[in-house]
Amino acid sequence: MEFRIRDSARWAVIGYGSTVKSALNEMTMIAEGYFASDCIRHINGTLGIDMPIADMVYDVLYCGASPRKSMKKLSELL
């Protein structure tokens, strides 16, 4: 299991030992999805909307959750 952040022709891999911080430091462009996941989390919390996929992405990117365990938990939930 891996999450990829696209930066032009390169891919920064999260899930195989690369941290979000190191992936963002290697990038020369903005990773809109990274920051959008934080925004979506706050909006969903304010509106009381349940979005398990968005929550899982946030947990992996911001809380250091294991991508493999998070996907397994999500697949059991859905």
PDB file of N, CA and C in Angstrom:
ATOM      1  N   MET A   1       0.835  -1.174   0.000  1.00  0.00           N
ATOM      2  CA  MET A   1       0.000   0.000   0.000  1.00  0.00           C
ATOM      3  C   MET A   1       0.880   1.236   0.000  1.00  0.00           C
ATOM      4  N   GLU A   2       0.573   2.163  -0.848  1.00  0.00           N
ATOM      5  CA  GLU A   2       1.333   3.398  -0.865  1.00  0.00           C
ATOM      6  C   GLU A   2       0.439   4.547  -1.303  1.00  0.00           C
ATOM      7  N   PHE A   3       0.774   5.716  -0.842  1.00  0.00           N
ATOM      8  CA  PHE A   3       0.127   6.931  -1.290  1.00  0.00           C
ATOM      9  C   PHE A   3       1.164   7.698  -2.077  1.00  0.00           C
ATOM     10  N   ARG A   4       0.767   8.279  -3.181  1.00  0.00           N
ATOM     11  CA  ARG A   4       1.719   9.008  -4.001  1.00  0.00           C
ATOM     12  C   ARG A   4       1.270  10.462  -4.122  1.00  0.00           C
ATOM     13  N   ILE A   5       2.230  11.356  -4.008  1.00  0.00           N
ATOM     14  CA  ILE A   5       1.980  12.767  -4.233  1.00  0.00           C
ATOM     15  C   ILE A   5       2.678  13.117  -5.536  1.00  0.00           C
ATOM     16  N   ARG A   6       1.923  13.568  -6.517  1.00  0.00           N
ATOM     17  CA  ARG A   6       2.494  13.832  -7.831  1.00  0.00           C
ATOM     18  C   ARG A   6       3.132  15.218  -7.856  1.00  0.00           C
ATOM     19  N   ASP A   7       4.326  15.287  -8.378  1.00  0.00           N
ATOM     20  CA  ASP A   7       5.045  16.543  -8.555  1.00  0.00           C
ATOM     21  C   ASP A   7       5.658  16.527  -9.946  1.00  0.00           C
ATOM     22  N   SER A   8       4.970  17.121 -10.903  1.00  0.00           N
ATOM     23  CA  SER A   8       5.440  17.172 -12.279  1.00  0.00           C
ATOM     24  C   SER A   8       5.723  15.754 -12.772  1.00  0.00           C
ATOM     25  N   ALA A   9       6.967  15.442 -13.110  1.00  0.00           N
ATOM     26  CA  ALA A   9       7.292  14.118 -13.639  1.00  0.00           C
ATOM     27  C   ALA A   9       7.727  13.155 -12.541  1.00  0.00           C
ATOM     28  N   ARG A  10       7.843  13.631 -11.298  1.00  0.00           N
ATOM     29  CA  ARG A  10       8.310  12.780 -10.200  1.00  0.00           C
ATOM     30  C   ARG A  10       7.139  12.408  -9.293  1.00  0.00           C
ATOM     31  N   TRP A  11       7.305  11.331  -8.565  1.00  0.00           N
ATOM     32  CA  TRP A  11       6.320  10.901  -7.578  1.00  0.00           C
ATOM     33  C   TRP A  11       7.021  10.750  -6.238  1.00  0.00           C
ATOM     34  N   ALA A  12       6.479  11.330  -5.210  1.00  0.00           N
ATOM     35  CA  ALA A  12       7.001  11.124  -3.861  1.00  0.00           C
ATOM     36  C   ALA A  12       6.145  10.046  -3.220  1.00  0.00           C
ATOM     37  N   VAL A  13       6.748   9.015  -2.712  1.00  0.00           N
ATOM     38  CA  VAL A  13       6.006   7.870  -2.193  1.00  0.00           C
ATOM     39  C   VAL A  13       5.902   7.956  -0.678  1.00  0.00           C
ATOM     40  N   ILE A  14       4.689   7.810  -0.200  1.00  0.00           N
ATOM     41  CA  ILE A  14       4.419   7.771   1.232  1.00  0.00           C
ATOM     42  C   ILE A  14       3.880   6.385   1.532  1.00  0.00           C
ATOM     43  N   GLY A  15       4.454   5.710   2.439  1.00  0.00           N
ATOM     44  CA  GLY A  15       3.990   4.382   2.783  1.00  0.00           C
ATOM     45  C   GLY A  15       5.113   3.360   2.724  1.00  0.00           C
ATOM     46  N   TYR A  16       6.184   3.671   2.021  1.00  0.00           N
ATOM     47  CA  TYR A  16       7.343   2.790   1.968  1.00  0.00           C
ATOM     48  C   TYR A  16       8.543   3.464   2.618  1.00  0.00           C
ATOM     49  N   GLY A  17       8.320   4.071   3.771  1.00  0.00           N
ATOM     50  CA  GLY A  17       9.410   4.667   4.522  1.00  0.00           C
ATOM     51  C   GLY A  17       9.585   6.155   4.299  1.00  0.00           C
ATOM     52  N   SER A  18       8.973   6.704   3.295  1.00  0.00           N
ATOM     53  CA  SER A  18       9.069   8.141   3.051  1.00  0.00           C
ATOM     54  C   SER A  18       7.971   8.842   3.842  1.00  0.00           C
ATOM     55  N   THR A  19       8.338   9.857   4.588  1.00  0.00           N
ATOM     56  CA  THR A  19       7.345  10.588   5.371  1.00  0.00           C
ATOM     57  C   THR A  19       6.710  11.682   4.522  1.00  0.00           C
ATOM     58  N   VAL A  20       5.574  12.193   4.990  1.00  0.00           N
ATOM     59  CA  VAL A  20       4.909  13.294   4.295  1.00  0.00           C
ATOM     60  C   VAL A  20       5.852  14.489   4.231  1.00  0.00           C
ATOM     61  N   LYS A  21       6.513  14.783   5.335  1.00  0.00           N
ATOM     62  CA  LYS A  21       7.408  15.936   5.389  1.00  0.00           C
ATOM     63  C   LYS A  21       8.527  15.807   4.364  1.00  0.00           C
ATOM     64  N   SER A  22       9.160  14.631   4.275  1.00  0.00           N
ATOM     65  CA  SER A  22      10.247  14.465   3.308  1.00  0.00           C
ATOM     66  C   SER A  22       9.723  14.522   1.882  1.00  0.00           C
ATOM     67  N   ALA A  23       8.534  13.984   1.639  1.00  0.00           N
ATOM     68  CA  ALA A  23       7.950  14.037   0.297  1.00  0.00           C
ATOM     69  C   ALA A  23       7.673  15.478  -0.109  1.00  0.00           C
ATOM     70  N   LEU A  24       7.111  16.266   0.814  1.00  0.00           N
ATOM     71  CA  LEU A  24       6.823  17.663   0.498  1.00  0.00           C
ATOM     72  C   LEU A  24       8.103  18.469   0.317  1.00  0.00           C
ATOM     73  N   ASN A  25       9.142  18.154   1.078  1.00  0.00           N
ATOM     74  CA  ASN A  25      10.413  18.860   0.943  1.00  0.00           C
ATOM     75  C   ASN A  25      11.077  18.603  -0.400  1.00  0.00           C
ATOM     76  N   GLU A  26      10.843  17.429  -0.988  1.00  0.00           N
ATOM     77  CA  GLU A  26      11.437  17.078  -2.274  1.00  0.00           C
ATOM     78  C   GLU A  26      10.691  17.695  -3.444  1.00  0.00           C
ATOM     79  N   MET A  27       9.498  18.173  -3.196  1.00  0.00           N
ATOM     80  CA  MET A  27       8.663  18.676  -4.282  1.00  0.00           C
ATOM     81  C   MET A  27       9.002  20.120  -4.623  1.00  0.00           C
ATOM     82  N   THR A  28       8.818  20.459  -5.897  1.00  0.00           N
ATOM     83  CA  THR A  28       9.013  21.834  -6.343  1.00  0.00           C
ATOM     84  C   THR A  28       7.678  22.514  -6.629  1.00  0.00           C
ATOM     85  N   MET A  29       6.611  21.731  -6.632  1.00  0.00           N
ATOM     86  CA  MET A  29       5.280  22.272  -6.888  1.00  0.00           C
ATOM     87  C   MET A  29       4.417  22.069  -5.648  1.00  0.00           C
ATOM     88  N   ILE A  30       3.252  22.690  -5.629  1.00  0.00           N
ATOM     89  CA  ILE A  30       2.339  22.586  -4.497  1.00  0.00           C
ATOM     90  C   ILE A  30       1.558  21.279  -4.575  1.00  0.00           C
ATOM     91  N   ALA A  31       1.394  20.613  -3.446  1.00  0.00           N
ATOM     92  CA  ALA A  31       0.588  19.383  -3.368  1.00  0.00           C
ATOM     93  C   ALA A  31      -0.797  19.770  -2.859  1.00  0.00           C
ATOM     94  N   GLU A  32      -1.689  20.128  -3.783  1.00  0.00           N
ATOM     95  CA  GLU A  32      -3.010  20.619  -3.396  1.00  0.00           C
ATOM     96  C   GLU A  32      -3.798  19.599  -2.584  1.00  0.00           C
ATOM     97  N   GLY A  33      -3.683  18.328  -2.919  1.00  0.00           N
ATOM     98  CA  GLY A  33      -4.446  17.305  -2.217  1.00  0.00           C
ATOM     99  C   GLY A  33      -4.073  17.184  -0.751  1.00  0.00           C
ATOM    100  N   TYR A  34      -2.811  17.431  -0.438  1.00  0.00           N
ATOM    101  CA  TYR A  34      -2.352  17.355   0.948  1.00  0.00           C
ATOM    102  C   TYR A  34      -3.079  18.402   1.786  1.00  0.00           C
ATOM    103  N   PHE A  35      -3.074  19.631   1.322  1.00  0.00           N
ATOM    104  CA  PHE A  35      -3.709  20.711   2.078  1.00  0.00           C
ATOM    105  C   PHE A  35      -5.234  20.622   2.004  1.00  0.00           C
ATOM    106  N   ALA A  36      -5.755  20.122   0.887  1.00  0.00           N
ATOM    107  CA  ALA A  36      -7.206  19.979   0.735  1.00  0.00           C
ATOM    108  C   ALA A  36      -7.764  18.957   1.721  1.00  0.00           C
ATOM    109  N   SER A  37      -6.998  17.913   2.028  1.00  0.00           N
ATOM    110  CA  SER A  37      -7.494  16.903   2.968  1.00  0.00           C
ATOM    111  C   SER A  37      -7.705  17.504   4.356  1.00  0.00           C
ATOM    112  N   ASP A  38      -6.877  18.452   4.744  1.00  0.00           N
ATOM    113  CA  ASP A  38      -7.049  19.140   6.026  1.00  0.00           C
ATOM    114  C   ASP A  38      -8.305  20.011   5.986  1.00  0.00           C
ATOM    115  N   CYS A  39      -8.496  20.711   4.879  1.00  0.00           N
ATOM    116  CA  CYS A  39      -9.667  21.578   4.716  1.00  0.00           C
ATOM    117  C   CYS A  39     -10.958  20.758   4.730  1.00  0.00           C
ATOM    118  N   ILE A  40     -10.965  19.650   4.006  1.00  0.00           N
ATOM    119  CA  ILE A  40     -12.145  18.782   3.961  1.00  0.00           C
ATOM    120  C   ILE A  40     -12.476  18.260   5.353  1.00  0.00           C
ATOM    121  N   ARG A  41     -11.451  17.889   6.103  1.00  0.00           N
ATOM    122  CA  ARG A  41     -11.650  17.379   7.472  1.00  0.00           C
ATOM    123  C   ARG A  41     -12.351  18.425   8.340  1.00  0.00           C
ATOM    124  N   HIS A  42     -11.905  19.674   8.250  1.00  0.00           N
ATOM    125  CA  HIS A  42     -12.501  20.742   9.060  1.00  0.00           C
ATOM    126  C   HIS A  42     -13.937  21.054   8.625  1.00  0.00           C
ATOM    127  N   ILE A  43     -14.175  21.097   7.328  1.00  0.00           N
ATOM    128  CA  ILE A  43     -15.531  21.372   6.830  1.00  0.00           C
ATOM    129  C   ILE A  43     -16.480  20.253   7.235  1.00  0.00           C
ATOM    130  N   ASN A  44     -16.047  19.004   7.074  1.00  0.00           N
ATOM    131  CA  ASN A  44     -16.896  17.866   7.450  1.00  0.00           C
ATOM    132  C   ASN A  44     -17.211  17.900   8.939  1.00  0.00           C
ATOM    133  N   GLY A  45     -16.227  18.247   9.755  1.00  0.00           N
ATOM    134  CA  GLY A  45     -16.460  18.333  11.194  1.00  0.00           C
ATOM    135  C   GLY A  45     -17.458  19.421  11.544  1.00  0.00           C
ATOM    136  N   THR A  46     -17.355  20.548  10.861  1.00  0.00           N
ATOM    137  CA  THR A  46     -18.273  21.666  11.108  1.00  0.00           C
ATOM    138  C   THR A  46     -19.694  21.313  10.702  1.00  0.00           C
ATOM    139  N   LEU A  47     -19.839  20.631   9.569  1.00  0.00           N
ATOM    140  CA  LEU A  47     -21.163  20.290   9.046  1.00  0.00           C
ATOM    141  C   LEU A  47     -21.685  18.950   9.550  1.00  0.00           C
ATOM    142  N   GLY A  48     -20.835  18.196  10.237  1.00  0.00           N
ATOM    143  CA  GLY A  48     -21.252  16.903  10.757  1.00  0.00           C
ATOM    144  C   GLY A  48     -21.414  15.839   9.679  1.00  0.00           C
ATOM    145  N   ILE A  49     -20.639  15.941   8.622  1.00  0.00           N
ATOM    146  CA  ILE A  49     -20.712  14.988   7.515  1.00  0.00           C
ATOM    147  C   ILE A  49     -19.714  13.858   7.756  1.00  0.00           C
ATOM    148  N   ASP A  50     -20.157  12.623   7.549  1.00  0.00           N
ATOM    149  CA  ASP A  50     -19.296  11.450   7.713  1.00  0.00           C
ATOM    150  C   ASP A  50     -18.710  11.078   6.358  1.00  0.00           C
ATOM    151  N   MET A  51     -17.399  11.192   6.223  1.00  0.00           N
ATOM    152  CA  MET A  51     -16.706  10.838   4.982  1.00  0.00           C
ATOM    153  C   MET A  51     -15.509   9.975   5.348  1.00  0.00           C
ATOM    154  N   PRO A  52     -15.705   8.656   5.467  1.00  0.00           N
ATOM    155  CA  PRO A  52     -14.639   7.775   5.932  1.00  0.00           C
ATOM    156  C   PRO A  52     -13.384   7.777   5.065  1.00  0.00           C
ATOM    157  N   ILE A  53     -13.520   7.931   3.766  1.00  0.00           N
ATOM    158  CA  ILE A  53     -12.335   7.945   2.902  1.00  0.00           C
ATOM    159  C   ILE A  53     -11.516   9.201   3.167  1.00  0.00           C
ATOM    160  N   ALA A  54     -12.184  10.343   3.246  1.00  0.00           N
ATOM    161  CA  ALA A  54     -11.489  11.600   3.541  1.00  0.00           C
ATOM    162  C   ALA A  54     -10.842  11.544   4.925  1.00  0.00           C
ATOM    163  N   ASP A  55     -11.529  10.942   5.884  1.00  0.00           N
ATOM    164  CA  ASP A  55     -10.952  10.799   7.228  1.00  0.00           C
ATOM    165  C   ASP A  55      -9.707   9.932   7.210  1.00  0.00           C
ATOM    166  N   MET A  56      -9.739   8.858   6.422  1.00  0.00           N
ATOM    167  CA  MET A  56      -8.593   7.962   6.343  1.00  0.00           C
ATOM    168  C   MET A  56      -7.398   8.666   5.718  1.00  0.00           C
ATOM    169  N   VAL A  57      -7.626   9.415   4.653  1.00  0.00           N
ATOM    170  CA  VAL A  57      -6.537  10.154   4.005  1.00  0.00           C
ATOM    171  C   VAL A  57      -5.935  11.149   4.988  1.00  0.00           C
ATOM    172  N   TYR A  58      -6.767  11.857   5.713  1.00  0.00           N
ATOM    173  CA  TYR A  58      -6.283  12.818   6.712  1.00  0.00           C
ATOM    174  C   TYR A  58      -5.441  12.110   7.779  1.00  0.00           C
ATOM    175  N   ASP A  59      -5.935  10.993   8.276  1.00  0.00           N
ATOM    176  CA  ASP A  59      -5.217  10.261   9.325  1.00  0.00           C
ATOM    177  C   ASP A  59      -3.839   9.798   8.855  1.00  0.00           C
ATOM    178  N   VAL A  60      -3.748   9.366   7.605  1.00  0.00           N
ATOM    179  CA  VAL A  60      -2.461   8.915   7.068  1.00  0.00           C
ATOM    180  C   VAL A  60      -1.519  10.103   6.878  1.00  0.00           C
ATOM    181  N   LEU A  61      -2.022  11.178   6.283  1.00  0.00           N
ATOM    182  CA  LEU A  61      -1.161  12.313   5.962  1.00  0.00           C
ATOM    183  C   LEU A  61      -0.789  13.165   7.166  1.00  0.00           C
ATOM    184  N   TYR A  62      -1.726  13.354   8.093  1.00  0.00           N
ATOM    185  CA  TYR A  62      -1.479  14.284   9.193  1.00  0.00           C
ATOM    186  C   TYR A  62      -1.206  13.613  10.542  1.00  0.00           C
ATOM    187  N   CYS A  63      -1.691  12.397  10.722  1.00  0.00           N
ATOM    188  CA  CYS A  63      -1.574  11.754  12.040  1.00  0.00           C
ATOM    189  C   CYS A  63      -0.585  10.588  12.034  1.00  0.00           C
ATOM    190  N   GLY A  64      -0.018  10.290  10.888  1.00  0.00           N
ATOM    191  CA  GLY A  64       0.969   9.225  10.812  1.00  0.00           C
ATOM    192  C   GLY A  64       0.396   7.819  10.860  1.00  0.00           C
ATOM    193  N   ALA A  65      -0.897   7.689  10.542  1.00  0.00           N
ATOM    194  CA  ALA A  65      -1.522   6.364  10.535  1.00  0.00           C
ATOM    195  C   ALA A  65      -0.903   5.505   9.435  1.00  0.00           C
ATOM    196  N   SER A  66      -0.863   4.216   9.666  1.00  0.00           N
ATOM    197  CA  SER A  66      -0.336   3.272   8.682  1.00  0.00           C
ATOM    198  C   SER A  66      -1.284   3.197   7.485  1.00  0.00           C
ATOM    199  N   PRO A  67      -0.780   3.435   6.267  1.00  0.00           N
ATOM    200  CA  PRO A  67      -1.648   3.321   5.083  1.00  0.00           C
ATOM    201  C   PRO A  67      -2.259   1.933   4.941  1.00  0.00           C
ATOM    202  N   ARG A  68      -1.477   0.889   5.185  1.00  0.00           N
ATOM    203  CA  ARG A  68      -1.974  -0.483   5.047  1.00  0.00           C
ATOM    204  C   ARG A  68      -3.098  -0.765   6.047  1.00  0.00           C
ATOM    205  N   LYS A  69      -2.878  -0.430   7.310  1.00  0.00           N
ATOM    206  CA  LYS A  69      -3.898  -0.675   8.334  1.00  0.00           C
ATOM    207  C   LYS A  69      -5.135   0.178   8.095  1.00  0.00           C
ATOM    208  N   SER A  70      -4.918   1.410   7.651  1.00  0.00           N
ATOM    209  CA  SER A  70      -6.048   2.308   7.394  1.00  0.00           C
ATOM    210  C   SER A  70      -6.910   1.800   6.249  1.00  0.00           C
ATOM    211  N   MET A  71      -6.275   1.307   5.177  1.00  0.00           N
ATOM    212  CA  MET A  71      -7.038   0.766   4.059  1.00  0.00           C
ATOM    213  C   MET A  71      -7.790  -0.498   4.456  1.00  0.00           C
ATOM    214  N   LYS A  72      -7.177  -1.337   5.275  1.00  0.00           N
ATOM    215  CA  LYS A  72      -7.845  -2.546   5.715  1.00  0.00           C
ATOM    216  C   LYS A  72      -9.075  -2.186   6.561  1.00  0.00           C
ATOM    217  N   LYS A  73      -8.907  -1.255   7.473  1.00  0.00           N
ATOM    218  CA  LYS A  73     -10.023  -0.811   8.318  1.00  0.00           C
ATOM    219  C   LYS A  73     -11.124  -0.185   7.469  1.00  0.00           C
ATOM    220  N   LEU A  74     -10.741   0.615   6.479  1.00  0.00           N
ATOM    221  CA  LEU A  74     -11.722   1.260   5.599  1.00  0.00           C
ATOM    222  C   LEU A  74     -12.474   0.228   4.770  1.00  0.00           C
ATOM    223  N   SER A  75     -11.778  -0.777   4.253  1.00  0.00           N
ATOM    224  CA  SER A  75     -12.442  -1.790   3.446  1.00  0.00           C
ATOM    225  C   SER A  75     -13.422  -2.613   4.266  1.00  0.00           C
ATOM    226  N   GLU A  76     -13.121  -2.813   5.537  1.00  0.00           N
ATOM    227  CA  GLU A  76     -14.052  -3.517   6.421  1.00  0.00           C
ATOM    228  C   GLU A  76     -15.277  -2.658   6.734  1.00  0.00           C
ATOM    229  N   LEU A  77     -15.060  -1.361   6.824  1.00  0.00           N
ATOM    230  CA  LEU A  77     -16.147  -0.425   7.130  1.00  0.00           C
ATOM    231  C   LEU A  77     -17.102  -0.262   5.967  1.00  0.00           C
ATOM    232  N   LEU A  78     -16.536  -0.191   4.773  1.00  0.00           N
ATOM    233  CA  LEU A  78     -17.367   0.033   3.585  1.00  0.00           C
ATOM    234  C   LEU A  78     -17.864  -1.282   3.043  1.00  0.00           C
TER     235      LEU A  78
END
